[in-house]
């Protein structure tokens, strides 16, 4: 059994290609210059935006640390960056969770709750958050993609395929990102004992290769190719 630390490192390696962009971005707020009195008078929705924007800042820092770690060749420096990323994702998760408590209808915050949990290896919690985001906004492409990543983390390959096909029909850019993650998943699992039997692994690898070929062949048939989106 791998340690939590090595599992977390593996998670960030698989996610390195999708750093920067859990979806949503910052939202307009009352600004950072609010007095304590003004802050206390803010509505729950306004407070939720403030918490959300703080979370976005934290997750951007975490993504930067994750990307830096993936580039490191020195093991100690790499571990230091991963530790910083883990701390920043945990801080972001608290902010996004607070935002959802203040405004349960903020689907962007639910998506980021899922993203932060997923980057910390909390896949079941991530799925719960993505499901909530998609209940609020069923066509939220970013949540569909990131839920696909969470399915991969749990070896739920059939559901990961369905996520990809849903994206392929409406958002080729995000579909391509999920396909890249699938290719990385295949590469990692071929080199380790991962709880996936060989036949299932190779069947999934074959499917991924087929979808890659189809995506390449049909990209020029869409109006904007791989950037076509909802």
Protein backbone atom coordinates (compact mmCIF):
# COMPACT_ATOMS: atom_id res chain seq x y z
CA UNK A 1 0.00 0.00 0.00
CA UNK A 2 1.38 3.38 -0.95
CA UNK A 3 1.69 6.08 1.71
CA UNK A 4 -0.57 9.12 1.65
CA UNK A 5 2.42 11.26 0.69
CA UNK A 6 3.29 9.17 -2.36
CA UNK A 7 -0.38 8.97 -3.31
CA UNK A 8 -0.68 12.75 -3.12
CA UNK A 9 2.42 13.17 -5.29
CA UNK A 10 0.94 10.81 -7.86
CA UNK A 11 -2.32 12.76 -7.86
CA UNK A 12 -0.50 16.00 -8.59
CA UNK A 13 1.59 14.44 -11.35
CA UNK A 14 -1.55 13.21 -13.09
CA UNK A 15 -3.13 16.62 -12.67
CA UNK A 16 -0.10 18.66 -13.72
CA UNK A 17 -1.37 19.09 -17.25
CA UNK A 18 -4.62 20.62 -16.05
CA UNK A 19 -3.25 23.10 -13.54
CA UNK A 20 -4.64 26.63 -13.65
CA UNK A 21 -8.34 26.64 -14.19
CA UNK A 22 -10.76 24.79 -12.02
CA UNK A 23 -13.38 26.89 -13.74
CA UNK A 24 -15.16 30.04 -12.74
CA UNK A 25 -12.38 32.48 -11.90
CA UNK A 26 -12.78 35.41 -9.54
CA UNK A 27 -16.04 37.29 -9.14
CA UNK A 28 -16.67 41.02 -8.73
CA UNK A 29 -16.83 41.87 -5.04
CA UNK A 30 -17.16 44.87 -2.77
CA UNK A 31 -13.38 45.11 -2.90
CA UNK A 32 -10.58 44.56 -0.46
CA UNK A 33 -10.95 48.01 1.06
CA UNK A 34 -14.09 47.34 3.09
CA UNK A 35 -14.02 48.53 6.66
CA UNK A 36 -14.91 46.10 9.42
CA UNK A 37 -18.28 47.84 9.71
CA UNK A 38 -18.97 47.47 5.99
CA UNK A 39 -17.89 43.84 6.13
CA UNK A 40 -20.28 43.11 8.98
CA UNK A 41 -23.12 44.67 6.99
CA UNK A 42 -22.40 42.60 3.87
CA UNK A 43 -25.09 40.15 2.84
CA UNK A 44 -24.36 36.43 3.00
CA UNK A 45 -24.11 36.44 -0.80
CA UNK A 46 -21.50 39.22 -0.70
CA UNK A 47 -19.57 37.42 2.02
CA UNK A 48 -19.72 34.28 -0.11
CA UNK A 49 -18.12 36.12 -3.03
CA UNK A 50 -15.33 37.35 -0.75
CA UNK A 51 -14.66 33.83 0.53
CA UNK A 52 -14.83 32.46 -3.01
CA UNK A 53 -12.33 34.98 -4.36
CA UNK A 54 -9.94 34.20 -1.48
CA UNK A 55 -10.26 30.54 -2.41
CA UNK A 56 -9.50 31.26 -6.06
CA UNK A 57 -6.32 33.06 -5.01
CA UNK A 58 -5.29 30.13 -2.82
CA UNK A 59 -5.99 27.52 -5.49
CA UNK A 60 -4.02 29.49 -8.08
CA UNK A 61 -1.05 29.46 -5.71
CA UNK A 62 -1.54 25.74 -5.17
CA UNK A 63 -1.63 25.10 -8.91
CA UNK A 64 1.58 27.08 -9.33
CA UNK A 65 3.29 24.98 -6.66
CA UNK A 66 1.98 21.79 -8.25
CA UNK A 67 3.27 22.80 -11.67
CA UNK A 68 6.62 23.78 -10.15
CA UNK A 69 6.91 20.42 -8.41
CA UNK A 70 6.25 18.59 -11.67
CA UNK A 71 9.21 20.44 -13.21
CA UNK A 72 11.62 19.73 -10.36
CA UNK A 73 14.35 17.13 -10.77
CA UNK A 74 15.64 17.43 -7.21
CA UNK A 75 13.58 15.19 -4.91
CA UNK A 76 13.80 17.48 -1.88
CA UNK A 77 12.77 20.56 -3.83
CA UNK A 78 9.97 18.61 -5.44
CA UNK A 79 8.64 17.44 -2.09
CA UNK A 80 8.81 20.97 -0.72
CA UNK A 81 6.68 22.24 -3.60
CA UNK A 82 4.18 19.41 -3.15
CA UNK A 83 3.88 20.16 0.55
CA UNK A 84 3.20 23.81 -0.23
CA UNK A 85 0.62 22.79 -2.82
CA UNK A 86 -1.14 20.51 -0.35
CA UNK A 87 -1.30 23.29 2.24
CA UNK A 88 -2.65 25.77 -0.30
CA UNK A 89 -5.31 23.35 -1.57
CA UNK A 90 -6.42 22.73 2.00
CA UNK A 91 -6.66 26.48 2.63
CA UNK A 92 -8.62 26.93 -0.60
CA UNK A 93 -11.01 24.16 0.37
CA UNK A 94 -11.89 25.96 3.60
CA UNK A 95 -12.64 29.16 1.69
CA UNK A 96 -14.81 27.47 -0.92
CA UNK A 97 -16.65 25.46 1.71
CA UNK A 98 -17.39 28.69 3.56
CA UNK A 99 -18.69 30.22 0.32
CA UNK A 100 -21.12 27.33 -0.17
CA UNK A 101 -22.31 27.67 3.42
CA UNK A 102 -23.05 31.35 2.86
CA UNK A 103 -24.58 30.84 -0.58
CA UNK A 104 -25.55 27.22 -1.30
CA UNK A 105 -26.60 28.22 -4.84
CA UNK A 106 -23.08 29.27 -5.88
CA UNK A 107 -22.32 26.45 -8.30
CA UNK A 108 -18.84 27.82 -9.05
CA UNK A 109 -17.89 27.42 -5.40
CA UNK A 110 -19.20 23.84 -5.36
CA UNK A 111 -17.04 23.12 -8.41
CA UNK A 112 -13.99 24.46 -6.60
CA UNK A 113 -14.86 22.44 -3.48
CA UNK A 114 -14.69 19.44 -5.78
CA UNK A 115 -11.47 20.59 -7.41
CA UNK A 116 -9.69 21.22 -4.09
CA UNK A 117 -10.84 17.91 -2.66
CA UNK A 118 -9.76 16.06 -5.78
CA UNK A 119 -6.30 17.59 -5.72
CA UNK A 120 -6.03 16.45 -2.10
CA UNK A 121 -7.06 12.92 -3.05
CA UNK A 122 -10.54 13.14 -1.50
CA UNK A 123 -12.31 11.71 -4.55
CA UNK A 124 -15.63 10.76 -2.98
CA UNK A 125 -16.00 14.21 -1.45
CA UNK A 126 -15.04 15.71 -4.80
CA UNK A 127 -17.77 13.74 -6.58
CA UNK A 128 -20.36 14.92 -4.07
CA UNK A 129 -19.38 18.54 -4.71
CA UNK A 130 -19.33 18.15 -8.50
CA UNK A 131 -22.75 16.53 -8.38
CA UNK A 132 -24.04 19.51 -6.40
CA UNK A 133 -22.58 21.95 -8.93
CA UNK A 134 -24.19 20.04 -11.80
CA UNK A 135 -27.53 19.89 -10.01
CA UNK A 136 -27.43 23.68 -9.90
CA UNK A 137 -26.09 24.03 -13.46
CA UNK A 138 -26.42 20.81 -15.48
CA UNK A 139 -24.44 22.11 -18.48
CA UNK A 140 -21.46 23.28 -16.40
CA UNK A 141 -18.69 21.87 -18.59
CA UNK A 142 -15.86 22.43 -16.12
CA UNK A 143 -17.64 20.35 -13.47
CA UNK A 144 -18.31 17.60 -16.01
CA UNK A 145 -14.62 17.49 -16.88
CA UNK A 146 -13.35 17.52 -13.32
CA UNK A 147 -15.86 14.92 -12.26
CA UNK A 148 -14.31 12.79 -15.00
CA UNK A 149 -10.92 13.25 -13.33
CA UNK A 150 -12.41 12.15 -10.01
CA UNK A 151 -13.87 9.04 -11.65
CA UNK A 152 -10.37 8.22 -12.91
CA UNK A 153 -9.03 8.60 -9.39
CA UNK A 154 -11.53 6.00 -8.22
CA UNK A 155 -10.92 3.70 -11.23
CA UNK A 156 -14.56 4.20 -12.28
CA UNK A 157 -13.65 3.94 -15.92
CA UNK A 158 -17.13 3.59 -17.38
CA UNK A 159 -18.25 6.85 -15.80
CA UNK A 160 -15.04 8.57 -16.87
CA UNK A 161 -15.83 7.54 -20.45
CA UNK A 162 -19.31 8.99 -20.19
CA UNK A 163 -17.89 12.28 -18.93
CA UNK A 164 -15.56 12.41 -21.91
CA UNK A 165 -18.32 11.67 -24.41
CA UNK A 166 -20.53 14.37 -22.90
CA UNK A 167 -17.71 16.89 -23.27
CA UNK A 168 -16.81 15.71 -26.76
CA UNK A 169 -20.34 16.53 -27.86
CA UNK A 170 -20.20 20.08 -26.57
CA UNK A 171 -16.76 21.25 -25.48
CA UNK A 172 -13.84 19.83 -27.43
CA UNK A 173 -11.24 21.80 -25.50
CA UNK A 174 -12.22 20.33 -22.13
CA UNK A 175 -12.74 16.92 -23.72
CA UNK A 176 -9.13 17.05 -24.93
CA UNK A 177 -7.94 17.88 -21.42
CA UNK A 178 -9.80 14.93 -19.95
CA UNK A 179 -8.45 12.66 -22.68
CA UNK A 180 -4.91 13.77 -21.82
CA UNK A 181 -5.59 12.85 -18.18
CA UNK A 182 -6.89 9.46 -19.32
CA UNK A 183 -3.68 8.85 -21.27
CA UNK A 184 -1.65 9.77 -18.20
CA UNK A 185 -3.81 7.45 -16.06
CA UNK A 186 -3.11 4.55 -18.43
CA UNK A 187 0.62 5.24 -18.34
CA UNK A 188 0.76 5.33 -14.55
CA UNK A 189 -1.38 2.24 -14.03
CA UNK A 190 0.58 0.16 -16.49
CA UNK A 191 3.60 0.67 -14.28
CA UNK A 192 2.03 -0.18 -10.93
CA UNK A 193 -0.31 -2.57 -9.17
CA UNK A 194 -3.32 -0.31 -8.90
CA UNK A 195 -6.34 -2.48 -8.24
CA UNK A 196 -7.29 -2.55 -11.92
CA UNK A 197 -7.06 -5.93 -13.62
CA UNK A 198 -4.95 -6.17 -16.76
CA UNK A 199 -7.85 -6.87 -19.10
CA UNK A 200 -9.81 -3.83 -17.93
CA UNK A 201 -6.72 -1.66 -18.13
CA UNK A 202 -5.92 -2.68 -21.69
CA UNK A 203 -9.55 -2.35 -22.78
CA UNK A 204 -9.60 1.18 -21.42
CA UNK A 205 -6.25 1.96 -23.05
CA UNK A 206 -7.63 0.76 -26.38
CA UNK A 207 -10.72 2.95 -25.96
CA UNK A 208 -8.56 5.97 -25.15
CA UNK A 209 -6.46 5.37 -28.26
CA UNK A 210 -9.58 5.08 -30.39
CA UNK A 211 -11.02 8.29 -29.00
CA UNK A 212 -7.73 10.08 -29.61
CA UNK A 213 -7.85 9.00 -33.26
CA UNK A 214 -11.48 10.08 -33.62
CA UNK A 215 -10.77 13.45 -32.00
CA UNK A 216 -7.89 14.06 -34.42
CA UNK A 217 -9.94 13.07 -37.44
CA UNK A 218 -12.97 15.17 -36.54
CA UNK A 219 -11.27 18.29 -35.18
CA UNK A 220 -11.22 19.95 -38.60
CA UNK A 221 -14.92 19.22 -39.09
CA UNK A 222 -16.01 21.49 -36.24
CA UNK A 223 -16.32 25.19 -36.73
CA UNK A 224 -13.53 25.99 -34.26
CA UNK A 225 -11.81 22.63 -34.10
CA UNK A 226 -10.53 21.64 -30.69
CA UNK A 227 -11.61 24.99 -29.18
CA UNK A 228 -15.29 24.48 -29.95
CA UNK A 229 -17.26 24.96 -26.74
CA UNK A 230 -20.73 25.41 -25.34
